[in-house]
Amino acid sequence: MHLRDLTRYLQELSENNNRPWFIMNKPRYDILREEFLELVTQVITEVGKFDPAVKFCNPKKAMFRINRDVRFAHDKSPYKTNFSAALAPNDMRRPTMAGGPTYYFQLNKEGMLHFGAGEYIPPPHRLRALRKHMVEDAAGFRKVLNNKALKTRYGTIQNEGKLQRPPKGFDADHEHIEFIKLKSFFIWTEVKIELNKPELLLPQIAAGLKDSLPLVTWMREAKTEEEES
C-alpha cells in the first residue's frame, strides 16, 4: 500500500479531527481503506500458514472502524489516527464476545507499526480461565515466557492493569502470581515503517506475529468453566 500517503493522511486527520474535514477528504480515505483491506487479506493468508485457526477470517470483519467510541471519553475527537485489524478464529476478535487470544496490528500517523497478540481486558470468564491455566500448567506458561523468539521480539507480557493483591483463591506465593494479578494478557512491540519500501511491511508483520504463536497456542488451551462442563 502507499505508506507515505497513509501517514500523511493520518497526520492531517489528527490536525483536523472533525466531520467536515473527514467528509471532504473521504475519497482519500476510501482509497487507503481499500489498500489496507488488501494488506489485511494478505496478512490473514500469511498467518494462516502457521496458524490455520485464522486462515478463514473475514478481512472486513478483522478491520476496526476509524470512528472512535466517544460516549465515555474525555477526548471527543470522532476519528482514530491509525488503521488497525485483529485476527481471531471465527472472527471473534472483540473481548465482549466469546473471548480468546487475537493477533493485532496497526499503522499510525507517526509511521509506526504496532503488532502483538493476546487478550486485552478479557471478559470475566476468560480472565478466570487464564489465571487457572497459569496454576494448572505452570511449567507450560514458564516455557512460553522463556521462548527465545517471543522473548527477543516482545520481552514479556505487558503490565497495563494489575491487581494490588492476588485474586481470591490464588496463592500469593505462586511462581506466576505477578502475572495472575494482571487484568490483560498481551504482548506487543513497535517498529518504524520503511515508508519507501512497502514490500517489507507484509513479511515484517507476518514474522512478528509468528513469534507470538507460543503464547496464542497456550492461551487457547485455557478452558472456561462452561467449556469444561
C-alpha atoms as a PDB file:
ATOM      1  CA  MET A   1       0.000   0.000   0.000  1.00  0.00           C
ATOM      2  CA  HIS A   2       1.019   3.650  -0.317  1.00  0.00           C
ATOM      3  CA  LEU A   3       2.506   4.062   3.150  1.00  0.00           C
ATOM      4  CA  ARG A   4       3.641   7.645   2.734  1.00  0.00           C
ATOM      5  CA  ASP A   5       0.144   8.642   1.598  1.00  0.00           C
ATOM      6  CA  LEU A   6      -1.334   6.803   4.574  1.00  0.00           C
ATOM      7  CA  THR A   7       0.840   8.511   7.182  1.00  0.00           C
ATOM      8  CA  ARG A   8       0.299  11.904   5.544  1.00  0.00           C
ATOM      9  CA  TYR A   9      -3.468  11.386   5.591  1.00  0.00           C
ATOM     10  CA  LEU A  10      -3.486  10.251   9.230  1.00  0.00           C
ATOM     11  CA  GLN A  11      -1.300  13.181  10.274  1.00  0.00           C
ATOM     12  CA  GLU A  12      -3.631  15.641   8.566  1.00  0.00           C
ATOM     13  CA  LEU A  13      -6.606  13.905  10.145  1.00  0.00           C
ATOM     14  CA  SER A  14      -5.065  14.314  13.595  1.00  0.00           C
ATOM     15  CA  GLU A  15      -4.749  18.047  12.914  1.00  0.00           C
ATOM     16  CA  ASN A  16      -8.311  18.312  11.550  1.00  0.00           C
ATOM     17  CA  ASN A  17     -10.185  15.704  13.547  1.00  0.00           C
ATOM     18  CA  ASN A  18     -13.708  16.753  12.656  1.00  0.00           C
ATOM     19  CA  ARG A  19     -16.503  15.529  10.434  1.00  0.00           C
ATOM     20  CA  PRO A  20     -16.377  18.311   7.779  1.00  0.00           C
ATOM     21  CA  TRP A  21     -12.691  17.659   7.062  1.00  0.00           C
ATOM     22  CA  PHE A  22     -13.257  13.896   7.025  1.00  0.00           C
ATOM     23  CA  ILE A  23     -16.134  14.191   4.539  1.00  0.00           C
ATOM     24  CA  MET A  24     -14.145  16.497   2.263  1.00  0.00           C
ATOM     25  CA  ASN A  25     -11.278  14.007   2.240  1.00  0.00           C
ATOM     26  CA  LYS A  26     -13.439  10.887   2.024  1.00  0.00           C
ATOM     27  CA  PRO A  27     -12.068   9.873  -1.427  1.00  0.00           C
ATOM     28  CA  ARG A  28      -8.561   9.704   0.052  1.00  0.00           C
ATOM     29  CA  TYR A  29      -9.808   7.635   2.963  1.00  0.00           C
ATOM     30  CA  ASP A  30     -11.686   5.219   0.697  1.00  0.00           C
ATOM     31  CA  ILE A  31      -8.585   4.522  -1.388  1.00  0.00           C
ATOM     32  CA  LEU A  32      -6.396   3.959   1.666  1.00  0.00           C
ATOM     33  CA  ARG A  33      -9.050   1.811   3.298  1.00  0.00           C
ATOM     34  CA  GLU A  34      -9.162  -0.455   0.242  1.00  0.00           C
ATOM     35  CA  GLU A  35      -5.387  -0.725   0.256  1.00  0.00           C
ATOM     36  CA  PHE A  36      -5.422  -1.613   3.947  1.00  0.00           C
ATOM     37  CA  LEU A  37      -8.107  -4.226   3.286  1.00  0.00           C
ATOM     38  CA  GLU A  38      -5.768  -5.836   0.769  1.00  0.00           C
ATOM     39  CA  LEU A  39      -2.971  -5.807   3.360  1.00  0.00           C
ATOM     40  CA  VAL A  40      -5.229  -7.420   5.980  1.00  0.00           C
ATOM     41  CA  THR A  41      -6.230 -10.086   3.450  1.00  0.00           C
ATOM     42  CA  GLN A  42      -2.572 -10.844   2.766  1.00  0.00           C
ATOM     43  CA  VAL A  43      -1.735 -10.933   6.492  1.00  0.00           C
ATOM     44  CA  ILE A  44      -4.536 -13.472   7.074  1.00  0.00           C
ATOM     45  CA  THR A  45      -3.102 -15.649   4.325  1.00  0.00           C
ATOM     46  CA  GLU A  46       0.419 -15.487   5.788  1.00  0.00           C
ATOM     47  CA  VAL A  47      -0.682 -16.036   9.395  1.00  0.00           C
ATOM     48  CA  GLY A  48      -2.890 -18.913   8.241  1.00  0.00           C
ATOM     49  CA  LYS A  49       0.227 -20.740   7.081  1.00  0.00           C
ATOM     50  CA  PHE A  50       1.451 -21.176  10.668  1.00  0.00           C
ATOM     51  CA  ASP A  51      -1.911 -20.870  12.453  1.00  0.00           C
ATOM     52  CA  PRO A  52      -4.703 -22.496  10.397  1.00  0.00           C
ATOM     53  CA  ALA A  53      -7.282 -21.439  13.011  1.00  0.00           C
ATOM     54  CA  VAL A  54      -7.394 -17.947  11.500  1.00  0.00           C
ATOM     55  CA  LYS A  55      -6.940 -18.744   7.812  1.00  0.00           C
ATOM     56  CA  PHE A  56     -10.641 -18.219   7.069  1.00  0.00           C
ATOM     57  CA  CYS A  57     -11.003 -14.881   8.865  1.00  0.00           C
ATOM     58  CA  ASN A  58     -13.123 -12.324   7.059  1.00  0.00           C
ATOM     59  CA  PRO A  59     -10.736  -9.402   6.394  1.00  0.00           C
ATOM     60  CA  LYS A  60     -13.554  -6.866   6.500  1.00  0.00           C
ATOM     61  CA  LYS A  61     -14.590  -8.083   9.944  1.00  0.00           C
ATOM     62  CA  ALA A  62     -10.965  -8.101  11.083  1.00  0.00           C
ATOM     63  CA  MET A  63     -10.580  -4.385  10.376  1.00  0.00           C
ATOM     64  CA  PHE A  64     -11.507  -1.854  13.036  1.00  0.00           C
ATOM     65  CA  ARG A  65     -13.614   1.157  12.176  1.00  0.00           C
ATOM     66  CA  ILE A  66     -11.910   4.542  12.089  1.00  0.00           C
ATOM     67  CA  ASN A  67     -14.723   6.048  14.171  1.00  0.00           C
ATOM     68  CA  ARG A  68     -13.961   6.372  17.873  1.00  0.00           C
ATOM     69  CA  ASP A  69     -16.399   5.456  20.616  1.00  0.00           C
ATOM     70  CA  VAL A  70     -16.562   8.773  22.469  1.00  0.00           C
ATOM     71  CA  ARG A  71     -19.509   8.033  24.754  1.00  0.00           C
ATOM     72  CA  PHE A  72     -17.381   7.836  27.899  1.00  0.00           C
ATOM     73  CA  ALA A  73     -14.219   9.545  26.662  1.00  0.00           C
ATOM     74  CA  HIS A  74     -12.898  12.956  27.684  1.00  0.00           C
ATOM     75  CA  ASP A  75     -11.419  13.319  24.209  1.00  0.00           C
ATOM     76  CA  LYS A  76     -14.386  13.749  21.855  1.00  0.00           C
ATOM     77  CA  SER A  77     -12.345  13.592  18.643  1.00  0.00           C
ATOM     78  CA  PRO A  78     -14.516  11.469  16.340  1.00  0.00           C
ATOM     79  CA  TYR A  79     -11.790   9.608  14.425  1.00  0.00           C
ATOM     80  CA  LYS A  80      -8.828   7.369  15.200  1.00  0.00           C
ATOM     81  CA  THR A  81      -5.461   8.293  13.754  1.00  0.00           C
ATOM     82  CA  ASN A  82      -4.466   4.735  12.895  1.00  0.00           C
ATOM     83  CA  PHE A  83      -5.581   1.834  10.712  1.00  0.00           C
ATOM     84  CA  SER A  84      -5.828  -1.411  12.663  1.00  0.00           C
ATOM     85  CA  ALA A  85      -7.001  -5.011  12.482  1.00  0.00           C
ATOM     86  CA  ALA A  86      -7.248  -8.091  14.700  1.00  0.00           C
ATOM     87  CA  LEU A  87      -7.367 -11.747  13.687  1.00  0.00           C
ATOM     88  CA  ALA A  88      -9.104 -14.471  15.681  1.00  0.00           C
ATOM     89  CA  PRO A  89     -10.850 -17.780  14.916  1.00  0.00           C
ATOM     90  CA  ASN A  90     -14.422 -17.293  13.736  1.00  0.00           C
ATOM     91  CA  ASP A  91     -13.788 -13.522  13.658  1.00  0.00           C
ATOM     92  CA  MET A  92     -14.295 -13.375  17.443  1.00  0.00           C
ATOM     93  CA  ARG A  93     -11.850 -10.507  17.926  1.00  0.00           C
ATOM     94  CA  ARG A  94     -13.814  -8.474  20.456  1.00  0.00           C
ATOM     95  CA  PRO A  95     -13.465  -9.089  24.229  1.00  0.00           C
ATOM     96  CA  THR A  96     -17.226  -8.744  24.692  1.00  0.00           C
ATOM     97  CA  MET A  97     -17.725 -11.811  22.514  1.00  0.00           C
ATOM     98  CA  ALA A  98     -16.570 -15.333  23.334  1.00  0.00           C
ATOM     99  CA  GLY A  99     -13.071 -14.204  24.202  1.00  0.00           C
ATOM    100  CA  GLY A 100      -9.787 -15.840  23.295  1.00  0.00           C
ATOM    101  CA  PRO A 101      -6.419 -14.642  22.011  1.00  0.00           C
ATOM    102  CA  THR A 102      -6.147 -12.415  18.945  1.00  0.00           C
ATOM    103  CA  TYR A 103      -3.374 -11.198  16.697  1.00  0.00           C
ATOM    104  CA  TYR A 104      -3.322  -7.418  16.344  1.00  0.00           C
ATOM    105  CA  PHE A 105      -1.518  -4.862  14.205  1.00  0.00           C
ATOM    106  CA  GLN A 106      -1.885  -1.174  13.411  1.00  0.00           C
ATOM    107  CA  LEU A 107      -0.254   1.555  11.355  1.00  0.00           C
ATOM    108  CA  ASN A 108      -0.307   5.040  12.856  1.00  0.00           C
ATOM    109  CA  LYS A 109       0.247   8.660  11.873  1.00  0.00           C
ATOM    110  CA  GLU A 110       3.845   8.657  13.123  1.00  0.00           C
ATOM    111  CA  GLY A 111       4.744   5.936  10.650  1.00  0.00           C
ATOM    112  CA  MET A 112       4.982   3.258  13.320  1.00  0.00           C
ATOM    113  CA  LEU A 113       3.868  -0.344  13.021  1.00  0.00           C
ATOM    114  CA  HIS A 114       2.478  -1.833  16.240  1.00  0.00           C
ATOM    115  CA  PHE A 115       1.796  -5.558  16.462  1.00  0.00           C
ATOM    116  CA  GLY A 116       1.268  -8.267  19.044  1.00  0.00           C
ATOM    117  CA  ALA A 117      -1.115 -10.856  20.407  1.00  0.00           C
ATOM    118  CA  GLY A 118      -3.044 -11.932  23.473  1.00  0.00           C
ATOM    119  CA  GLU A 119      -6.229 -10.913  25.249  1.00  0.00           C
ATOM    120  CA  TYR A 120      -6.770  -7.263  26.151  1.00  0.00           C
ATOM    121  CA  ILE A 121      -9.136  -6.850  29.127  1.00  0.00           C
ATOM    122  CA  PRO A 122     -10.756 -10.270  28.602  1.00  0.00           C
ATOM    123  CA  PRO A 123     -14.282 -10.862  29.926  1.00  0.00           C
ATOM    124  CA  PRO A 124     -14.537 -12.353  33.448  1.00  0.00           C
ATOM    125  CA  HIS A 125     -14.976 -15.961  32.316  1.00  0.00           C
ATOM    126  CA  ARG A 126     -11.813 -15.787  30.221  1.00  0.00           C
ATOM    127  CA  LEU A 127      -9.870 -13.981  32.945  1.00  0.00           C
ATOM    128  CA  ARG A 128     -10.701 -16.796  35.389  1.00  0.00           C
ATOM    129  CA  ALA A 129      -9.763 -19.421  32.817  1.00  0.00           C
ATOM    130  CA  LEU A 130      -6.380 -17.851  32.066  1.00  0.00           C
ATOM    131  CA  ARG A 131      -5.482 -17.450  35.739  1.00  0.00           C
ATOM    132  CA  LYS A 132      -6.496 -21.031  36.460  1.00  0.00           C
ATOM    133  CA  HIS A 133      -4.457 -22.229  33.483  1.00  0.00           C
ATOM    134  CA  MET A 134      -1.355 -20.478  34.848  1.00  0.00           C
ATOM    135  CA  VAL A 135      -1.708 -22.517  38.023  1.00  0.00           C
ATOM    136  CA  GLU A 136      -2.570 -25.846  36.414  1.00  0.00           C
ATOM    137  CA  ASP A 137       0.051 -25.527  33.676  1.00  0.00           C
ATOM    138  CA  ALA A 138       2.725 -23.504  35.434  1.00  0.00           C
ATOM    139  CA  ALA A 139       5.516 -25.294  33.578  1.00  0.00           C
ATOM    140  CA  GLY A 140       3.886 -24.679  30.214  1.00  0.00           C
ATOM    141  CA  PHE A 141       3.422 -20.991  30.955  1.00  0.00           C
ATOM    142  CA  ARG A 142       7.030 -20.738  32.106  1.00  0.00           C
ATOM    143  CA  LYS A 143       8.102 -22.300  28.810  1.00  0.00           C
ATOM    144  CA  VAL A 144       6.107 -19.678  26.879  1.00  0.00           C
ATOM    145  CA  LEU A 145       7.675 -16.820  28.829  1.00  0.00           C
ATOM    146  CA  ASN A 146      11.145 -18.223  28.118  1.00  0.00           C
ATOM    147  CA  ASN A 147      10.540 -18.917  24.429  1.00  0.00           C
ATOM    148  CA  LYS A 148      13.569 -17.404  22.696  1.00  0.00           C
ATOM    149  CA  ALA A 149      11.801 -15.909  19.666  1.00  0.00           C
ATOM    150  CA  LEU A 150       8.933 -14.497  21.727  1.00  0.00           C
ATOM    151  CA  LYS A 151      11.206 -13.082  24.413  1.00  0.00           C
ATOM    152  CA  THR A 152      13.551 -11.494  21.874  1.00  0.00           C
ATOM    153  CA  ARG A 153      10.735  -9.891  19.912  1.00  0.00           C
ATOM    154  CA  TYR A 154       8.366  -8.841  22.713  1.00  0.00           C
ATOM    155  CA  GLY A 155      10.094  -9.114  26.051  1.00  0.00           C
ATOM    156  CA  THR A 156       7.290 -10.199  28.347  1.00  0.00           C
ATOM    157  CA  ILE A 157       3.567  -9.711  28.905  1.00  0.00           C
ATOM    158  CA  GLN A 158       2.666  -6.044  29.244  1.00  0.00           C
ATOM    159  CA  ASN A 159       1.641  -4.647  32.614  1.00  0.00           C
ATOM    160  CA  GLU A 160      -1.286  -2.401  31.636  1.00  0.00           C
ATOM    161  CA  GLY A 161      -3.516  -3.025  34.620  1.00  0.00           C
ATOM    162  CA  LYS A 162      -2.837  -5.106  37.692  1.00  0.00           C
ATOM    163  CA  LEU A 163      -4.477  -6.041  40.971  1.00  0.00           C
ATOM    164  CA  GLN A 164      -2.652  -4.908  44.090  1.00  0.00           C
ATOM    165  CA  ARG A 165      -3.388  -8.221  45.780  1.00  0.00           C
ATOM    166  CA  PRO A 166      -3.777 -11.756  44.424  1.00  0.00           C
ATOM    167  CA  PRO A 167      -7.310 -12.562  43.213  1.00  0.00           C
ATOM    168  CA  LYS A 168      -9.400 -14.592  45.627  1.00  0.00           C
ATOM    169  CA  GLY A 169      -8.477 -18.258  45.690  1.00  0.00           C
ATOM    170  CA  PHE A 170      -4.929 -17.854  44.347  1.00  0.00           C
ATOM    171  CA  ASP A 171      -1.751 -18.491  46.329  1.00  0.00           C
ATOM    172  CA  ALA A 172       0.243 -15.302  46.896  1.00  0.00           C
ATOM    173  CA  ASP A 173       3.447 -17.354  46.722  1.00  0.00           C
ATOM    174  CA  HIS A 174       2.730 -18.943  43.345  1.00  0.00           C
ATOM    175  CA  GLU A 175       5.624 -18.518  40.900  1.00  0.00           C
ATOM    176  CA  HIS A 176       3.356 -16.740  38.392  1.00  0.00           C
ATOM    177  CA  ILE A 177       1.416 -14.616  40.885  1.00  0.00           C
ATOM    178  CA  GLU A 178       2.549 -11.313  39.319  1.00  0.00           C
ATOM    179  CA  PHE A 179       1.073 -12.465  36.008  1.00  0.00           C
ATOM    180  CA  ILE A 180      -2.032 -13.891  37.687  1.00  0.00           C
ATOM    181  CA  LYS A 181      -2.726 -10.397  39.072  1.00  0.00           C
ATOM    182  CA  LEU A 182      -2.801  -8.878  35.571  1.00  0.00           C
ATOM    183  CA  LYS A 183      -6.098  -7.727  34.055  1.00  0.00           C
ATOM    184  CA  SER A 184      -4.860  -8.109  30.466  1.00  0.00           C
ATOM    185  CA  PHE A 185      -2.526 -10.628  28.884  1.00  0.00           C
ATOM    186  CA  PHE A 186      -0.945  -9.054  25.825  1.00  0.00           C
ATOM    187  CA  ILE A 187       2.476  -8.859  24.225  1.00  0.00           C
ATOM    188  CA  TRP A 188       3.265  -6.116  21.735  1.00  0.00           C
ATOM    189  CA  THR A 189       6.073  -4.158  20.179  1.00  0.00           C
ATOM    190  CA  GLU A 190       6.541  -1.354  17.672  1.00  0.00           C
ATOM    191  CA  VAL A 191       8.919  -0.630  14.812  1.00  0.00           C
ATOM    192  CA  LYS A 192       9.420   2.239  12.391  1.00  0.00           C
ATOM    193  CA  ILE A 193       7.862   1.636   8.982  1.00  0.00           C
ATOM    194  CA  GLU A 194      10.096   1.818   5.904  1.00  0.00           C
ATOM    195  CA  LEU A 195       7.834   4.235   4.013  1.00  0.00           C
ATOM    196  CA  ASN A 196       9.778   3.851   0.784  1.00  0.00           C
ATOM    197  CA  LYS A 197       9.783   0.050   0.960  1.00  0.00           C
ATOM    198  CA  PRO A 198       6.140  -1.056   1.271  1.00  0.00           C
ATOM    199  CA  GLU A 199       7.113  -4.552   0.114  1.00  0.00           C
ATOM    200  CA  LEU A 200       8.762  -5.098   3.512  1.00  0.00           C
ATOM    201  CA  LEU A 201       5.596  -4.481   5.502  1.00  0.00           C
ATOM    202  CA  LEU A 202       3.788  -7.790   4.971  1.00  0.00           C
ATOM    203  CA  PRO A 203       6.736 -10.073   5.813  1.00  0.00           C
ATOM    204  CA  GLN A 204       7.521  -7.874   8.808  1.00  0.00           C
ATOM    205  CA  ILE A 205       4.016  -8.252  10.218  1.00  0.00           C
ATOM    206  CA  ALA A 206       3.856 -11.977   9.458  1.00  0.00           C
ATOM    207  CA  ALA A 207       7.223 -12.711  11.067  1.00  0.00           C
ATOM    208  CA  GLY A 208       6.339 -10.669  14.140  1.00  0.00           C
ATOM    209  CA  LEU A 209       3.004 -12.377  14.654  1.00  0.00           C
ATOM    210  CA  LYS A 210       4.573 -15.805  14.148  1.00  0.00           C
ATOM    211  CA  ASP A 211       6.842 -15.155  17.127  1.00  0.00           C
ATOM    212  CA  SER A 212       3.721 -14.688  19.288  1.00  0.00           C
ATOM    213  CA  LEU A 213       2.312 -18.120  18.367  1.00  0.00           C
ATOM    214  CA  PRO A 214       3.543 -19.916  21.529  1.00  0.00           C
ATOM    215  CA  LEU A 215       1.500 -17.556  23.708  1.00  0.00           C
ATOM    216  CA  VAL A 216      -1.566 -17.730  21.453  1.00  0.00           C
ATOM    217  CA  THR A 217      -1.457 -21.540  21.439  1.00  0.00           C
ATOM    218  CA  TRP A 218      -1.064 -21.732  25.212  1.00  0.00           C
ATOM    219  CA  MET A 219      -3.926 -19.281  25.805  1.00  0.00           C
ATOM    220  CA  ARG A 220      -6.274 -21.287  23.590  1.00  0.00           C
ATOM    221  CA  GLU A 221      -5.738 -24.239  25.898  1.00  0.00           C
ATOM    222  CA  ALA A 222      -7.261 -22.279  28.801  1.00  0.00           C
ATOM    223  CA  LYS A 223     -10.807 -23.634  29.141  1.00  0.00           C
ATOM    224  CA  THR A 224     -13.673 -21.763  30.757  1.00  0.00           C
ATOM    225  CA  GLU A 225     -15.981 -23.482  33.252  1.00  0.00           C
ATOM    226  CA  GLU A 226     -18.653 -23.711  30.561  1.00  0.00           C
ATOM    227  CA  GLU A 227     -16.269 -25.440  28.163  1.00  0.00           C
ATOM    228  CA  GLU A 228     -15.151 -27.923  30.822  1.00  0.00           C
ATOM    229  CA  SER A 229     -18.692 -28.917  31.843  1.00  0.00           C
END
